[in-house]
Amino acid sequence: MDPENAHHLAIRTLKEISRYPSLLQIWRGPSAKMFERRVFGLQFPNPIGLAAGFDKNGVALPAWEALGFGFIEVGTITARPQSGNPRPRIFRIPELEALINRLGFNNEGAAAIGERLQALKDSQRWPKIPVGINLGKTKAVPLEEAAADYLESFRRLQALGDYFVLNVSSPNTPGLRKLQEGAFVGELFRRIQAENPDKPLLVKIAPDLPFEQVDEILSLAAEHRLAGIVATNTTTDHQLVPTAKRQEGGLSGKPLTARSLEMLRYIRAISSIPIISVGGIMRVEDAKARFDAGAELIQLYSGFVYRGPRFLGDILAAL
């Protein structure tokens, strides 16, 4: 089945199940209260979350909770709705347990998603686990106006997210990764925090950054009182992919495992900032390695695609 069609089928199924509390109770995944932990002021029933990019429009939050996730990250959401890049734009490489995507922040926009999330809250079906909101730049907005664009989304969604992540590291929006440079990212942190009274704010970084640039981001994160780092996004390094299978876009899955772990270890060696580790967690052993290396929380995406819902229970059982 076409990978994007398969994804939409999964999301539609989860959306329908989310409408029926009785079904959610029957379907409910592993209970893991023994893994409760408090990170950046929030209580997590377990430390395994769903990474941003899977439920971009926030349509199936109750189902993710029922599956056993300890937290959910919605998005990436932009201030304006956008359709993303032309299809095909998701590619599987099963022999490598990898995915390449060049979706391009396709989402319904902050206003429409905000209305959906507010309706869910009003319906009393809002999940009892933390819900993060991942924010990105609208493609048509120039870099010099990026901070205002992120701020527009943050203002619209501020009351709905338990924490927020500034996605400045997707390779699929032209020029976006330049926002990881000091002048841009410092201004972005300053503008958001100036209007942020109490929500934990994190930044999601690329695995391809040189460590000197990571140092600069960590320094600015401390200066502007960010609550944490999400490490890492997808990679543009496709050296491990056979030439015939290479596509433009971000690579995730097993080829990212080593670099994402290396980035986690580097950050933890020089900083005590809370880290959500994501990227290449494909085995129970990968998850354990992230916690051993100092991650407070982890997120699944490609591992969930290839392993299915049981992967979450397998990790919790091993822990």
C-alpha atoms as a PDB file:
ATOM      1  CA  MET A   1       0.000   0.000   0.000  1.00  0.00           C
ATOM      2  CA  ASP A   2       1.229   3.525  -0.713  1.00  0.00           C
ATOM      3  CA  PRO A   3       2.889   4.731   2.536  1.00  0.00           C
ATOM      4  CA  GLU A   4       0.913   7.956   2.747  1.00  0.00           C
ATOM      5  CA  ASN A   5      -2.388   6.185   2.054  1.00  0.00           C
ATOM      6  CA  ALA A   6      -1.538   3.670   4.775  1.00  0.00           C
ATOM      7  CA  HIS A   7      -0.814   6.535   7.156  1.00  0.00           C
ATOM      8  CA  HIS A   8      -4.125   8.241   6.397  1.00  0.00           C
ATOM      9  CA  LEU A   9      -5.979   4.946   6.881  1.00  0.00           C
ATOM     10  CA  ALA A  10      -4.372   4.498  10.302  1.00  0.00           C
ATOM     11  CA  ILE A  11      -5.211   8.067  11.327  1.00  0.00           C
ATOM     12  CA  ARG A  12      -8.836   7.763  10.136  1.00  0.00           C
ATOM     13  CA  THR A  13      -9.230   4.519  12.094  1.00  0.00           C
ATOM     14  CA  LEU A  14      -7.791   6.059  15.252  1.00  0.00           C
ATOM     15  CA  LYS A  15      -9.968   9.144  14.780  1.00  0.00           C
ATOM     16  CA  GLU A  16     -13.110   7.019  14.626  1.00  0.00           C
ATOM     17  CA  ILE A  17     -12.130   4.958  17.663  1.00  0.00           C
ATOM     18  CA  SER A  18     -11.449   8.201  19.575  1.00  0.00           C
ATOM     19  CA  ARG A  19     -15.150   9.061  19.313  1.00  0.00           C
ATOM     20  CA  TYR A  20     -16.254   6.066  21.407  1.00  0.00           C
ATOM     21  CA  PRO A  21     -15.113   5.954  25.057  1.00  0.00           C
ATOM     22  CA  SER A  22     -16.427   2.394  25.476  1.00  0.00           C
ATOM     23  CA  LEU A  23     -14.232   1.181  22.625  1.00  0.00           C
ATOM     24  CA  LEU A  24     -11.246   2.988  24.092  1.00  0.00           C
ATOM     25  CA  GLN A  25     -11.747   1.197  27.414  1.00  0.00           C
ATOM     26  CA  ILE A  26     -11.783  -2.229  25.715  1.00  0.00           C
ATOM     27  CA  TRP A  27      -8.761  -1.309  23.611  1.00  0.00           C
ATOM     28  CA  ARG A  28      -6.750   0.291  26.386  1.00  0.00           C
ATOM     29  CA  GLY A  29      -3.044  -0.496  26.271  1.00  0.00           C
ATOM     30  CA  PRO A  30      -0.523  -1.235  29.019  1.00  0.00           C
ATOM     31  CA  SER A  31      -0.868   0.572  32.326  1.00  0.00           C
ATOM     32  CA  ALA A  32       2.455   1.930  33.463  1.00  0.00           C
ATOM     33  CA  LYS A  33       1.876   4.076  36.529  1.00  0.00           C
ATOM     34  CA  MET A  34       5.060   2.652  38.030  1.00  0.00           C
ATOM     35  CA  PHE A  35       6.972   4.731  35.470  1.00  0.00           C
ATOM     36  CA  GLU A  36       5.462   8.071  36.470  1.00  0.00           C
ATOM     37  CA  ARG A  37       7.905  10.926  36.326  1.00  0.00           C
ATOM     38  CA  ARG A  38       7.825  14.689  36.522  1.00  0.00           C
ATOM     39  CA  VAL A  39       9.649  16.589  33.785  1.00  0.00           C
ATOM     40  CA  PHE A  40       9.658  20.372  33.217  1.00  0.00           C
ATOM     41  CA  GLY A  41       6.799  20.711  35.699  1.00  0.00           C
ATOM     42  CA  LEU A  42       4.483  18.161  34.047  1.00  0.00           C
ATOM     43  CA  GLN A  43       3.442  14.727  35.299  1.00  0.00           C
ATOM     44  CA  PHE A  44       3.973  11.899  32.784  1.00  0.00           C
ATOM     45  CA  PRO A  45       2.383   8.495  33.530  1.00  0.00           C
ATOM     46  CA  ASN A  46       5.209   6.896  31.556  1.00  0.00           C
ATOM     47  CA  PRO A  47       8.169   8.324  29.613  1.00  0.00           C
ATOM     48  CA  ILE A  48       7.239   7.108  26.112  1.00  0.00           C
ATOM     49  CA  GLY A  49       5.550   9.571  23.783  1.00  0.00           C
ATOM     50  CA  LEU A  50       4.284   9.794  20.227  1.00  0.00           C
ATOM     51  CA  ALA A  51       6.568  12.022  18.164  1.00  0.00           C
ATOM     52  CA  ALA A  52       5.314  15.000  16.190  1.00  0.00           C
ATOM     53  CA  GLY A  53       4.443  14.309  12.572  1.00  0.00           C
ATOM     54  CA  PHE A  54       2.173  11.324  13.113  1.00  0.00           C
ATOM     55  CA  ASP A  55      -0.995  13.128  14.220  1.00  0.00           C
ATOM     56  CA  LYS A  56      -0.337  16.457  12.565  1.00  0.00           C
ATOM     57  CA  ASN A  57      -3.862  17.820  13.009  1.00  0.00           C
ATOM     58  CA  GLY A  58      -4.636  16.422  16.457  1.00  0.00           C
ATOM     59  CA  VAL A  59      -7.530  14.216  15.371  1.00  0.00           C
ATOM     60  CA  ALA A  60      -6.963  11.085  17.512  1.00  0.00           C
ATOM     61  CA  LEU A  61      -5.689  12.153  20.931  1.00  0.00           C
ATOM     62  CA  PRO A  62      -7.915   9.808  22.999  1.00  0.00           C
ATOM     63  CA  ALA A  63      -6.785   6.811  20.933  1.00  0.00           C
ATOM     64  CA  TRP A  64      -3.090   7.546  21.509  1.00  0.00           C
ATOM     65  CA  GLU A  65      -3.719   7.665  25.239  1.00  0.00           C
ATOM     66  CA  ALA A  66      -5.621   4.371  25.056  1.00  0.00           C
ATOM     67  CA  LEU A  67      -2.697   2.739  23.250  1.00  0.00           C
ATOM     68  CA  GLY A  68      -0.579   3.453  26.314  1.00  0.00           C
ATOM     69  CA  PHE A  69       1.493   6.464  25.327  1.00  0.00           C
ATOM     70  CA  GLY A  70       2.629   8.619  28.230  1.00  0.00           C
ATOM     71  CA  PHE A  71       2.336  11.814  26.190  1.00  0.00           C
ATOM     72  CA  ILE A  72       1.457  12.998  22.696  1.00  0.00           C
ATOM     73  CA  GLU A  73       3.003  15.679  20.491  1.00  0.00           C
ATOM     74  CA  VAL A  74       0.631  17.188  17.918  1.00  0.00           C
ATOM     75  CA  GLY A  75       1.837  18.864  14.730  1.00  0.00           C
ATOM     76  CA  THR A  76       3.899  20.261  13.202  1.00  0.00           C
ATOM     77  CA  ILE A  77       1.368  23.125  13.055  1.00  0.00           C
ATOM     78  CA  THR A  78       1.864  26.328  11.065  1.00  0.00           C
ATOM     79  CA  ALA A  79       0.052  29.640  11.375  1.00  0.00           C
ATOM     80  CA  ARG A  80      -1.567  29.164   7.965  1.00  0.00           C
ATOM     81  CA  PRO A  81      -2.988  25.938   6.510  1.00  0.00           C
ATOM     82  CA  GLN A  82      -0.777  24.388   3.852  1.00  0.00           C
ATOM     83  CA  SER A  83      -0.925  21.293   1.695  1.00  0.00           C
ATOM     84  CA  GLY A  84       2.779  20.486   1.853  1.00  0.00           C
ATOM     85  CA  ASN A  85       4.954  19.184  -0.938  1.00  0.00           C
ATOM     86  CA  PRO A  86       3.687  17.237  -3.980  1.00  0.00           C
ATOM     87  CA  ARG A  87       3.094  13.488  -3.675  1.00  0.00           C
ATOM     88  CA  PRO A  88       4.682  10.992  -3.522  1.00  0.00           C
ATOM     89  CA  ARG A  89       6.403  12.285  -0.404  1.00  0.00           C
ATOM     90  CA  ILE A  90       6.751   9.303   1.969  1.00  0.00           C
ATOM     91  CA  PHE A  91       8.998   6.376   1.066  1.00  0.00           C
ATOM     92  CA  ARG A  92       9.621   3.123   2.935  1.00  0.00           C
ATOM     93  CA  ILE A  93      12.953   1.300   2.882  1.00  0.00           C
ATOM     94  CA  PRO A  94      11.988  -1.917   4.716  1.00  0.00           C
ATOM     95  CA  GLU A  95      15.385  -3.591   4.420  1.00  0.00           C
ATOM     96  CA  LEU A  96      16.855  -0.692   6.438  1.00  0.00           C
ATOM     97  CA  GLU A  97      13.782  -0.208   8.662  1.00  0.00           C
ATOM     98  CA  ALA A  98      13.820   3.378   7.451  1.00  0.00           C
ATOM     99  CA  LEU A  99      11.502   6.053   6.128  1.00  0.00           C
ATOM    100  CA  ILE A 100      12.171   9.105   3.986  1.00  0.00           C
ATOM    101  CA  ASN A 101       9.619  11.889   4.036  1.00  0.00           C
ATOM    102  CA  ARG A 102       9.377  15.274   2.409  1.00  0.00           C
ATOM    103  CA  LEU A 103       5.866  16.138   3.577  1.00  0.00           C
ATOM    104  CA  GLY A 104       6.583  19.833   4.139  1.00  0.00           C
ATOM    105  CA  PHE A 105       4.460  20.656   7.199  1.00  0.00           C
ATOM    106  CA  ASN A 106       1.128  19.707   5.618  1.00  0.00           C
ATOM    107  CA  ASN A 107      -1.521  20.671   8.187  1.00  0.00           C
ATOM    108  CA  GLU A 108      -4.840  22.459   8.600  1.00  0.00           C
ATOM    109  CA  GLY A 109      -3.333  25.540  10.251  1.00  0.00           C
ATOM    110  CA  ALA A 110      -3.360  26.878  13.803  1.00  0.00           C
ATOM    111  CA  ALA A 111      -6.916  28.278  13.736  1.00  0.00           C
ATOM    112  CA  ALA A 112      -8.644  25.102  12.512  1.00  0.00           C
ATOM    113  CA  ILE A 113      -6.586  22.787  14.719  1.00  0.00           C
ATOM    114  CA  GLY A 114      -7.144  25.079  17.681  1.00  0.00           C
ATOM    115  CA  GLU A 115     -10.906  24.831  17.196  1.00  0.00           C
ATOM    116  CA  ARG A 116     -10.687  21.023  17.041  1.00  0.00           C
ATOM    117  CA  LEU A 117      -8.593  20.795  20.202  1.00  0.00           C
ATOM    118  CA  GLN A 118     -10.870  23.211  22.046  1.00  0.00           C
ATOM    119  CA  ALA A 119     -13.924  21.157  21.065  1.00  0.00           C
ATOM    120  CA  LEU A 120     -12.217  18.039  22.393  1.00  0.00           C
ATOM    121  CA  LYS A 121     -11.507  19.789  25.680  1.00  0.00           C
ATOM    122  CA  ASP A 122     -15.089  20.969  25.920  1.00  0.00           C
ATOM    123  CA  SER A 123     -16.355  17.426  25.295  1.00  0.00           C
ATOM    124  CA  GLN A 124     -14.603  16.065  28.416  1.00  0.00           C
ATOM    125  CA  ARG A 125     -12.696  13.577  26.233  1.00  0.00           C
ATOM    126  CA  TRP A 126      -9.376  15.384  26.523  1.00  0.00           C
ATOM    127  CA  PRO A 127      -6.616  12.883  27.418  1.00  0.00           C
ATOM    128  CA  LYS A 128      -5.253  12.744  30.945  1.00  0.00           C
ATOM    129  CA  ILE A 129      -1.679  12.640  29.640  1.00  0.00           C
ATOM    130  CA  PRO A 130       0.406  15.687  28.599  1.00  0.00           C
ATOM    131  CA  VAL A 131      -0.248  17.018  25.109  1.00  0.00           C
ATOM    132  CA  GLY A 132       2.589  18.872  23.430  1.00  0.00           C
ATOM    133  CA  ILE A 133       2.168  21.130  20.419  1.00  0.00           C
ATOM    134  CA  ASN A 134       4.911  21.319  17.806  1.00  0.00           C
ATOM    135  CA  LEU A 135       5.092  24.631  15.910  1.00  0.00           C
ATOM    136  CA  GLY A 136       6.711  25.297  12.543  1.00  0.00           C
ATOM    137  CA  LYS A 137       7.161  28.114  10.037  1.00  0.00           C
ATOM    138  CA  THR A 138       4.625  28.714   7.282  1.00  0.00           C
ATOM    139  CA  LYS A 139       6.442  27.969   4.021  1.00  0.00           C
ATOM    140  CA  ALA A 140       5.519  31.276   2.337  1.00  0.00           C
ATOM    141  CA  VAL A 141       6.813  33.382   5.252  1.00  0.00           C
ATOM    142  CA  PRO A 142      10.381  34.716   4.783  1.00  0.00           C
ATOM    143  CA  LEU A 143      12.979  33.849   7.418  1.00  0.00           C
ATOM    144  CA  GLU A 144      13.179  37.409   8.722  1.00  0.00           C
ATOM    145  CA  GLU A 145       9.465  37.199   9.620  1.00  0.00           C
ATOM    146  CA  ALA A 146       9.650  33.695  11.075  1.00  0.00           C
ATOM    147  CA  ALA A 147       9.493  34.741  14.736  1.00  0.00           C
ATOM    148  CA  ALA A 148       6.218  36.619  14.162  1.00  0.00           C
ATOM    149  CA  ASP A 149       4.821  33.601  12.303  1.00  0.00           C
ATOM    150  CA  TYR A 150       5.646  31.197  15.154  1.00  0.00           C
ATOM    151  CA  LEU A 151       4.266  33.718  17.642  1.00  0.00           C
ATOM    152  CA  GLU A 152       0.936  33.850  15.790  1.00  0.00           C
ATOM    153  CA  SER A 153       0.555  30.074  16.145  1.00  0.00           C
ATOM    154  CA  PHE A 154       1.647  30.156  19.781  1.00  0.00           C
ATOM    155  CA  ARG A 155      -0.915  32.827  20.654  1.00  0.00           C
ATOM    156  CA  ARG A 156      -3.702  30.814  19.015  1.00  0.00           C
ATOM    157  CA  LEU A 157      -2.793  27.527  20.717  1.00  0.00           C
ATOM    158  CA  GLN A 158      -1.232  28.644  24.001  1.00  0.00           C
ATOM    159  CA  ALA A 159      -4.176  27.610  26.178  1.00  0.00           C
ATOM    160  CA  LEU A 160      -4.400  24.142  24.620  1.00  0.00           C
ATOM    161  CA  GLY A 161      -0.897  22.671  24.838  1.00  0.00           C
ATOM    162  CA  ASP A 162       0.764  21.425  28.006  1.00  0.00           C
ATOM    163  CA  TYR A 163       4.148  22.158  26.430  1.00  0.00           C
ATOM    164  CA  PHE A 164       5.331  23.637  23.126  1.00  0.00           C
ATOM    165  CA  VAL A 165       8.156  22.694  20.773  1.00  0.00           C
ATOM    166  CA  LEU A 166       9.710  25.079  18.237  1.00  0.00           C
ATOM    167  CA  ASN A 167      10.537  22.977  15.187  1.00  0.00           C
ATOM    168  CA  VAL A 168      13.455  24.727  13.493  1.00  0.00           C
ATOM    169  CA  SER A 169      15.010  21.564  12.107  1.00  0.00           C
ATOM    170  CA  SER A 170      12.776  19.958   9.473  1.00  0.00           C
ATOM    171  CA  PRO A 171      14.673  19.575   6.195  1.00  0.00           C
ATOM    172  CA  ASN A 172      11.465  19.829   4.148  1.00  0.00           C
ATOM    173  CA  THR A 173      10.703  23.551   4.416  1.00  0.00           C
ATOM    174  CA  PRO A 174      13.245  25.538   2.373  1.00  0.00           C
ATOM    175  CA  GLY A 175      15.640  27.500   4.571  1.00  0.00           C
ATOM    176  CA  LEU A 176      14.051  26.377   7.847  1.00  0.00           C
ATOM    177  CA  ARG A 177      17.254  24.919   9.286  1.00  0.00           C
ATOM    178  CA  LYS A 178      18.865  28.372   9.075  1.00  0.00           C
ATOM    179  CA  LEU A 179      16.646  29.194  12.059  1.00  0.00           C
ATOM    180  CA  GLN A 180      19.021  27.053  14.140  1.00  0.00           C
ATOM    181  CA  GLU A 181      21.686  29.747  13.674  1.00  0.00           C
ATOM    182  CA  GLY A 182      22.246  31.961  16.710  1.00  0.00           C
ATOM    183  CA  ALA A 183      20.801  35.236  15.456  1.00  0.00           C
ATOM    184  CA  PHE A 184      17.580  33.645  14.237  1.00  0.00           C
ATOM    185  CA  VAL A 185      16.963  31.160  17.035  1.00  0.00           C
ATOM    186  CA  GLY A 186      17.818  33.668  19.783  1.00  0.00           C
ATOM    187  CA  GLU A 187      15.257  36.106  18.431  1.00  0.00           C
ATOM    188  CA  LEU A 188      12.692  33.319  18.138  1.00  0.00           C
ATOM    189  CA  PHE A 189      13.231  32.271  21.764  1.00  0.00           C
ATOM    190  CA  ARG A 190      13.016  35.892  22.925  1.00  0.00           C
ATOM    191  CA  ARG A 191       9.777  36.671  21.083  1.00  0.00           C
ATOM    192  CA  ILE A 192       7.948  33.556  22.243  1.00  0.00           C
ATOM    193  CA  GLN A 193       9.096  33.751  25.857  1.00  0.00           C
ATOM    194  CA  ALA A 194       8.072  37.413  26.063  1.00  0.00           C
ATOM    195  CA  GLU A 195       4.446  36.262  25.707  1.00  0.00           C
ATOM    196  CA  ASN A 196       4.734  32.951  27.519  1.00  0.00           C
ATOM    197  CA  PRO A 197       3.770  33.165  31.193  1.00  0.00           C
ATOM    198  CA  ASP A 198       3.974  29.507  32.170  1.00  0.00           C
ATOM    199  CA  LYS A 199       4.113  26.899  29.363  1.00  0.00           C
ATOM    200  CA  PRO A 200       7.276  24.765  29.043  1.00  0.00           C
ATOM    201  CA  LEU A 201       8.984  25.738  25.775  1.00  0.00           C
ATOM    202  CA  LEU A 202      11.379  23.353  23.983  1.00  0.00           C
ATOM    203  CA  VAL A 203      13.311  23.428  20.732  1.00  0.00           C
ATOM    204  CA  LYS A 204      13.726  20.519  18.293  1.00  0.00           C
ATOM    205  CA  ILE A 205      17.145  20.285  16.687  1.00  0.00           C
ATOM    206  CA  ALA A 206      18.613  18.448  13.702  1.00  0.00           C
ATOM    207  CA  PRO A 207      20.982  15.490  14.049  1.00  0.00           C
ATOM    208  CA  ASP A 208      23.230  17.046  11.401  1.00  0.00           C
ATOM    209  CA  LEU A 209      24.273  20.068  13.459  1.00  0.00           C
ATOM    210  CA  PRO A 210      27.968  20.437  14.287  1.00  0.00           C
ATOM    211  CA  PHE A 211      28.533  20.324  18.036  1.00  0.00           C
ATOM    212  CA  GLU A 212      29.677  23.968  18.065  1.00  0.00           C
ATOM    213  CA  GLN A 213      26.197  24.967  16.892  1.00  0.00           C
ATOM    214  CA  VAL A 214      24.595  22.707  19.500  1.00  0.00           C
ATOM    215  CA  ASP A 215      26.656  24.558  22.128  1.00  0.00           C
ATOM    216  CA  GLU A 216      25.276  27.881  20.894  1.00  0.00           C
ATOM    217  CA  ILE A 217      21.665  26.653  20.949  1.00  0.00           C
ATOM    218  CA  LEU A 218      22.108  25.288  24.481  1.00  0.00           C
ATOM    219  CA  SER A 219      23.542  28.615  25.619  1.00  0.00           C
ATOM    220  CA  LEU A 220      20.616  30.518  24.124  1.00  0.00           C
ATOM    221  CA  ALA A 221      18.161  27.991  25.569  1.00  0.00           C
ATOM    222  CA  ALA A 222      19.574  28.665  29.036  1.00  0.00           C
ATOM    223  CA  GLU A 223      19.547  32.429  28.492  1.00  0.00           C
ATOM    224  CA  HIS A 224      15.886  32.402  27.441  1.00  0.00           C
ATOM    225  CA  ARG A 225      14.782  29.832  30.051  1.00  0.00           C
ATOM    226  CA  LEU A 226      13.729  27.043  27.697  1.00  0.00           C
ATOM    227  CA  ALA A 227      12.440  23.954  29.467  1.00  0.00           C
ATOM    228  CA  GLY A 228      14.093  21.322  27.289  1.00  0.00           C
ATOM    229  CA  ILE A 229      15.520  20.030  24.019  1.00  0.00           C
ATOM    230  CA  VAL A 230      13.993  17.538  21.575  1.00  0.00           C
ATOM    231  CA  ALA A 231      16.849  15.653  19.917  1.00  0.00           C
ATOM    232  CA  THR A 232      16.618  14.853  17.094  1.00  0.00           C
ATOM    233  CA  ASN A 233      14.686  15.474  13.898  1.00  0.00           C
ATOM    234  CA  THR A 234      15.250  13.515  10.679  1.00  0.00           C
ATOM    235  CA  THR A 235      18.615  13.562   8.912  1.00  0.00           C
ATOM    236  CA  THR A 236      19.661  14.705   5.459  1.00  0.00           C
ATOM    237  CA  ASP A 237      22.625  12.304   5.558  1.00  0.00           C
ATOM    238  CA  HIS A 238      21.584   9.428   3.286  1.00  0.00           C
ATOM    239  CA  GLN A 239      24.951   7.659   3.085  1.00  0.00           C
ATOM    240  CA  LEU A 240      23.498   4.447   4.536  1.00  0.00           C
ATOM    241  CA  VAL A 241      20.724   4.351   1.924  1.00  0.00           C
ATOM    242  CA  PRO A 242      21.417   2.475  -1.359  1.00  0.00           C
ATOM    243  CA  THR A 243      21.718   4.947  -4.216  1.00  0.00           C
ATOM    244  CA  ALA A 244      18.675   3.513  -5.984  1.00  0.00           C
ATOM    245  CA  LYS A 245      16.508   4.113  -2.901  1.00  0.00           C
ATOM    246  CA  ARG A 246      17.587   7.682  -2.151  1.00  0.00           C
ATOM    247  CA  GLN A 247      14.984  10.427  -2.234  1.00  0.00           C
ATOM    248  CA  GLU A 248      15.005  14.066  -1.282  1.00  0.00           C
ATOM    249  CA  GLY A 249      13.761  14.506   2.269  1.00  0.00           C
ATOM    250  CA  GLY A 250      14.407  13.602   5.873  1.00  0.00           C
ATOM    251  CA  LEU A 251      15.591  10.100   6.726  1.00  0.00           C
ATOM    252  CA  SER A 252      14.352   8.403   9.901  1.00  0.00           C
ATOM    253  CA  GLY A 253      14.445   4.934  11.384  1.00  0.00           C
ATOM    254  CA  LYS A 254      17.393   2.625  11.963  1.00  0.00           C
ATOM    255  CA  PRO A 255      19.970   4.656   9.967  1.00  0.00           C
ATOM    256  CA  LEU A 256      19.412   7.502  12.448  1.00  0.00           C
ATOM    257  CA  THR A 257      19.886   5.405  15.602  1.00  0.00           C
ATOM    258  CA  ALA A 258      23.607   5.953  16.148  1.00  0.00           C
ATOM    259  CA  ARG A 259      23.658   9.690  15.388  1.00  0.00           C
ATOM    260  CA  SER A 260      20.622  10.478  17.519  1.00  0.00           C
ATOM    261  CA  LEU A 261      22.168   8.613  20.463  1.00  0.00           C
ATOM    262  CA  GLU A 262      25.481  10.401  19.900  1.00  0.00           C
ATOM    263  CA  MET A 263      23.707  13.773  19.982  1.00  0.00           C
ATOM    264  CA  LEU A 264      21.897  12.816  23.196  1.00  0.00           C
ATOM    265  CA  ARG A 265      25.164  11.815  24.880  1.00  0.00           C
ATOM    266  CA  TYR A 266      26.851  15.034  23.781  1.00  0.00           C
ATOM    267  CA  ILE A 267      24.083  17.260  25.145  1.00  0.00           C
ATOM    268  CA  ARG A 268      23.872  15.360  28.405  1.00  0.00           C
ATOM    269  CA  ALA A 269      27.647  15.569  28.918  1.00  0.00           C
ATOM    270  CA  ILE A 270      27.602  19.372  28.864  1.00  0.00           C
ATOM    271  CA  SER A 271      24.097  20.298  30.063  1.00  0.00           C
ATOM    272  CA  SER A 272      21.484  19.265  32.598  1.00  0.00           C
ATOM    273  CA  ILE A 273      18.596  20.534  30.438  1.00  0.00           C
ATOM    274  CA  PRO A 274      15.781  17.940  30.124  1.00  0.00           C
ATOM    275  CA  ILE A 275      15.996  15.996  26.859  1.00  0.00           C
ATOM    276  CA  ILE A 276      13.288  14.236  24.857  1.00  0.00           C
ATOM    277  CA  SER A 277      15.216  11.728  22.746  1.00  0.00           C
ATOM    278  CA  VAL A 278      13.722  10.750  19.395  1.00  0.00           C
ATOM    279  CA  GLY A 279      15.125   9.243  16.224  1.00  0.00           C
ATOM    280  CA  GLY A 280      15.990   5.663  15.393  1.00  0.00           C
ATOM    281  CA  ILE A 281      14.398   3.993  18.412  1.00  0.00           C
ATOM    282  CA  MET A 282      13.615   0.719  16.660  1.00  0.00           C
ATOM    283  CA  ARG A 283      14.309  -1.893  19.342  1.00  0.00           C
ATOM    284  CA  VAL A 284      13.712  -2.245  23.059  1.00  0.00           C
ATOM    285  CA  GLU A 285      17.496  -1.976  23.461  1.00  0.00           C
ATOM    286  CA  ASP A 286      17.470   1.396  21.682  1.00  0.00           C
ATOM    287  CA  ALA A 287      14.937   2.745  24.162  1.00  0.00           C
ATOM    288  CA  LYS A 288      16.929   1.495  27.141  1.00  0.00           C
ATOM    289  CA  ALA A 289      20.093   3.041  25.696  1.00  0.00           C
ATOM    290  CA  ARG A 290      18.392   6.469  25.544  1.00  0.00           C
ATOM    291  CA  PHE A 291      17.407   6.342  29.198  1.00  0.00           C
ATOM    292  CA  ASP A 292      20.858   5.057  30.156  1.00  0.00           C
ATOM    293  CA  ALA A 293      22.363   8.015  28.267  1.00  0.00           C
ATOM    294  CA  GLY A 294      20.310  10.503  30.258  1.00  0.00           C
ATOM    295  CA  ALA A 295      17.073  11.124  28.352  1.00  0.00           C
ATOM    296  CA  GLU A 296      14.163  12.023  30.598  1.00  0.00           C
ATOM    297  CA  LEU A 297      11.616  11.066  27.926  1.00  0.00           C
ATOM    298  CA  ILE A 298      11.625   9.352  24.533  1.00  0.00           C
ATOM    299  CA  GLN A 299       9.369   9.514  21.487  1.00  0.00           C
ATOM    300  CA  LEU A 300       8.508   6.936  18.832  1.00  0.00           C
ATOM    301  CA  TYR A 301       7.723   7.376  15.156  1.00  0.00           C
ATOM    302  CA  SER A 302       9.418   5.024  12.679  1.00  0.00           C
ATOM    303  CA  GLY A 303       9.733   2.332  15.364  1.00  0.00           C
ATOM    304  CA  PHE A 304       5.973   2.558  15.870  1.00  0.00           C
ATOM    305  CA  VAL A 305       5.412   2.293  12.097  1.00  0.00           C
ATOM    306  CA  TYR A 306       7.580  -0.823  11.756  1.00  0.00           C
ATOM    307  CA  ARG A 307       6.824  -2.512  15.102  1.00  0.00           C
ATOM    308  CA  GLY A 308       3.191  -1.557  15.631  1.00  0.00           C
ATOM    309  CA  PRO A 309       1.349  -0.759  18.885  1.00  0.00           C
ATOM    310  CA  ARG A 310       2.883  -3.713  20.755  1.00  0.00           C
ATOM    311  CA  PHE A 311       6.274  -2.004  20.602  1.00  0.00           C
ATOM    312  CA  LEU A 312       5.190   0.394  23.330  1.00  0.00           C
ATOM    313  CA  GLY A 313       4.255  -2.476  25.683  1.00  0.00           C
ATOM    314  CA  ASP A 314       7.503  -4.289  24.870  1.00  0.00           C
ATOM    315  CA  ILE A 315       9.543  -1.249  25.960  1.00  0.00           C
ATOM    316  CA  LEU A 316       7.590  -0.833  29.185  1.00  0.00           C
ATOM    317  CA  ALA A 317       7.931  -4.526  29.975  1.00  0.00           C
ATOM    318  CA  ALA A 318      11.698  -4.349  29.457  1.00  0.00           C
ATOM    319  CA  LEU A 319      11.995  -1.265  31.655  1.00  0.00           C
END
